[in-house]
Amino acid sequence: MRTAIAVLLIALIGLASYQVVMSQVGSQAKSVNLVGNKLVLKGFSNPTVRISGCGEEIVVNGSTVEIPVNCNVSVEVYSEGRLVFTGSFSLNP
């Protein structure tokens, strides 16, 4: 009887640990896609995007961001105040 209770207790602790880890990781896939001159972000909460290129730097909030410059740009995406993505894109025609 004691063994069964101990096994059940260990199983419950394992399940609780799994739930805590999964809630921290999040189950939504994150992606950054360039469609034409728009940057489309999916899976980020409250994203802030910093775009640098052509001697300009632009900071925009949102999940769909139009890139107003037509050159090579560097992109940084912040979610909840943390840097979550960096990349460079060529927008030359």
C-alpha atoms as a PDB file:
ATOM      1  CA  MET A   1       0.000   0.000   0.000  1.00  0.00           C
ATOM      2  CA  ARG A   2       2.811   2.411   0.885  1.00  0.00           C
ATOM      3  CA  THR A   3       4.588   1.575  -2.360  1.00  0.00           C
ATOM      4  CA  ALA A   4       1.468   2.336  -4.385  1.00  0.00           C
ATOM      5  CA  ILE A   5       1.028   5.691  -2.641  1.00  0.00           C
ATOM      6  CA  ALA A   6       4.717   6.542  -3.213  1.00  0.00           C
ATOM      7  CA  VAL A   7       4.464   5.670  -6.922  1.00  0.00           C
ATOM      8  CA  LEU A   8       1.289   7.734  -7.266  1.00  0.00           C
ATOM      9  CA  LEU A   9       2.912  10.688  -5.498  1.00  0.00           C
ATOM     10  CA  ILE A  10       5.980  10.523  -7.761  1.00  0.00           C
ATOM     11  CA  ALA A  11       3.738  10.355 -10.841  1.00  0.00           C
ATOM     12  CA  LEU A  12       1.776  13.424  -9.697  1.00  0.00           C
ATOM     13  CA  ILE A  13       4.980  15.385  -9.041  1.00  0.00           C
ATOM     14  CA  GLY A  14       6.250  14.433 -12.513  1.00  0.00           C
ATOM     15  CA  LEU A  15       2.993  15.518 -14.143  1.00  0.00           C
ATOM     16  CA  ALA A  16       3.005  18.827 -12.268  1.00  0.00           C
ATOM     17  CA  SER A  17       6.619  19.466 -13.324  1.00  0.00           C
ATOM     18  CA  TYR A  18       5.749  18.723 -16.946  1.00  0.00           C
ATOM     19  CA  GLN A  19       2.823  21.168 -16.830  1.00  0.00           C
ATOM     20  CA  VAL A  20       5.017  23.931 -15.394  1.00  0.00           C
ATOM     21  CA  VAL A  21       7.685  23.435 -18.064  1.00  0.00           C
ATOM     22  CA  MET A  22       5.155  23.363 -20.904  1.00  0.00           C
ATOM     23  CA  SER A  23       3.456  26.526 -19.673  1.00  0.00           C
ATOM     24  CA  GLN A  24       6.833  28.301 -19.662  1.00  0.00           C
ATOM     25  CA  VAL A  25       7.816  27.090 -23.140  1.00  0.00           C
ATOM     26  CA  GLY A  26       4.486  27.798 -24.799  1.00  0.00           C
ATOM     27  CA  SER A  27       2.953  25.640 -27.479  1.00  0.00           C
ATOM     28  CA  GLN A  28       2.539  28.228 -30.235  1.00  0.00           C
ATOM     29  CA  ALA A  29       5.069  28.034 -33.071  1.00  0.00           C
ATOM     30  CA  LYS A  30       6.915  31.250 -33.794  1.00  0.00           C
ATOM     31  CA  SER A  31       7.793  32.429 -37.291  1.00  0.00           C
ATOM     32  CA  VAL A  32       9.137  35.487 -39.098  1.00  0.00           C
ATOM     33  CA  ASN A  33       8.309  35.716 -42.811  1.00  0.00           C
ATOM     34  CA  LEU A  34       9.030  38.363 -45.428  1.00  0.00           C
ATOM     35  CA  VAL A  35       6.140  38.800 -47.870  1.00  0.00           C
ATOM     36  CA  GLY A  36       6.951  41.483 -50.425  1.00  0.00           C
ATOM     37  CA  ASN A  37       8.005  44.443 -48.309  1.00  0.00           C
ATOM     38  CA  LYS A  38       6.043  43.317 -45.241  1.00  0.00           C
ATOM     39  CA  LEU A  39       7.391  41.412 -42.270  1.00  0.00           C
ATOM     40  CA  VAL A  40       4.797  38.969 -40.907  1.00  0.00           C
ATOM     41  CA  LEU A  41       5.329  37.732 -37.337  1.00  0.00           C
ATOM     42  CA  LYS A  42       3.408  34.815 -35.842  1.00  0.00           C
ATOM     43  CA  GLY A  43       3.475  33.485 -32.302  1.00  0.00           C
ATOM     44  CA  PHE A  44       5.070  36.490 -30.593  1.00  0.00           C
ATOM     45  CA  SER A  45       3.278  38.339 -27.808  1.00  0.00           C
ATOM     46  CA  ASN A  46       3.390  42.132 -28.139  1.00  0.00           C
ATOM     47  CA  PRO A  47       6.246  42.201 -30.696  1.00  0.00           C
ATOM     48  CA  THR A  48       8.425  45.267 -31.207  1.00  0.00           C
ATOM     49  CA  VAL A  49      10.435  45.372 -34.428  1.00  0.00           C
ATOM     50  CA  ARG A  50      13.569  47.453 -34.990  1.00  0.00           C
ATOM     51  CA  ILE A  51      14.513  47.853 -38.653  1.00  0.00           C
ATOM     52  CA  SER A  52      17.901  49.304 -39.650  1.00  0.00           C
ATOM     53  CA  GLY A  53      18.943  50.057 -43.214  1.00  0.00           C
ATOM     54  CA  CYS A  54      19.668  52.807 -45.746  1.00  0.00           C
ATOM     55  CA  GLY A  55      20.963  54.986 -42.913  1.00  0.00           C
ATOM     56  CA  GLU A  56      17.594  54.859 -41.126  1.00  0.00           C
ATOM     57  CA  GLU A  57      16.361  53.113 -38.007  1.00  0.00           C
ATOM     58  CA  ILE A  58      12.664  52.463 -37.474  1.00  0.00           C
ATOM     59  CA  VAL A  59      10.932  50.974 -34.427  1.00  0.00           C
ATOM     60  CA  VAL A  60       7.423  49.591 -34.945  1.00  0.00           C
ATOM     61  CA  ASN A  61       5.013  47.570 -32.785  1.00  0.00           C
ATOM     62  CA  GLY A  62       2.797  44.915 -34.318  1.00  0.00           C
ATOM     63  CA  SER A  63       2.636  41.521 -35.980  1.00  0.00           C
ATOM     64  CA  THR A  64       2.552  42.833 -39.553  1.00  0.00           C
ATOM     65  CA  VAL A  65       5.154  45.484 -40.293  1.00  0.00           C
ATOM     66  CA  GLU A  66       5.619  47.271 -43.597  1.00  0.00           C
ATOM     67  CA  ILE A  67       9.273  47.983 -44.309  1.00  0.00           C
ATOM     68  CA  PRO A  68       9.401  51.501 -45.805  1.00  0.00           C
ATOM     69  CA  VAL A  69      12.973  51.307 -47.162  1.00  0.00           C
ATOM     70  CA  ASN A  70      14.187  49.489 -50.264  1.00  0.00           C
ATOM     71  CA  CYS A  71      17.687  48.212 -49.459  1.00  0.00           C
ATOM     72  CA  ASN A  72      19.414  45.623 -47.294  1.00  0.00           C
ATOM     73  CA  VAL A  73      17.883  45.780 -43.818  1.00  0.00           C
ATOM     74  CA  SER A  74      18.686  44.297 -40.441  1.00  0.00           C
ATOM     75  CA  VAL A  75      15.703  43.269 -38.348  1.00  0.00           C
ATOM     76  CA  GLU A  76      15.495  42.703 -34.600  1.00  0.00           C
ATOM     77  CA  VAL A  77      12.292  41.376 -33.045  1.00  0.00           C
ATOM     78  CA  TYR A  78      11.635  41.836 -29.339  1.00  0.00           C
ATOM     79  CA  SER A  79       8.857  40.028 -27.481  1.00  0.00           C
ATOM     80  CA  GLU A  80       8.048  40.919 -23.889  1.00  0.00           C
ATOM     81  CA  GLY A  81      11.216  43.041 -23.762  1.00  0.00           C
ATOM     82  CA  ARG A  82      13.542  40.211 -24.870  1.00  0.00           C
ATOM     83  CA  LEU A  83      15.380  39.870 -28.177  1.00  0.00           C
ATOM     84  CA  VAL A  84      13.866  36.800 -29.851  1.00  0.00           C
ATOM     85  CA  PHE A  85      14.956  37.131 -33.496  1.00  0.00           C
ATOM     86  CA  THR A  86      17.619  38.857 -35.587  1.00  0.00           C
ATOM     87  CA  GLY A  87      18.042  38.666 -39.314  1.00  0.00           C
ATOM     88  CA  SER A  88      19.056  40.476 -42.478  1.00  0.00           C
ATOM     89  CA  PHE A  89      16.928  40.787 -45.590  1.00  0.00           C
ATOM     90  CA  SER A  90      17.677  42.133 -49.060  1.00  0.00           C
ATOM     91  CA  LEU A  91      14.822  44.247 -50.384  1.00  0.00           C
ATOM     92  CA  ASN A  92      16.587  45.407 -53.549  1.00  0.00           C
ATOM     93  CA  PRO A  93      14.414  44.905 -56.626  1.00  0.00           C
END
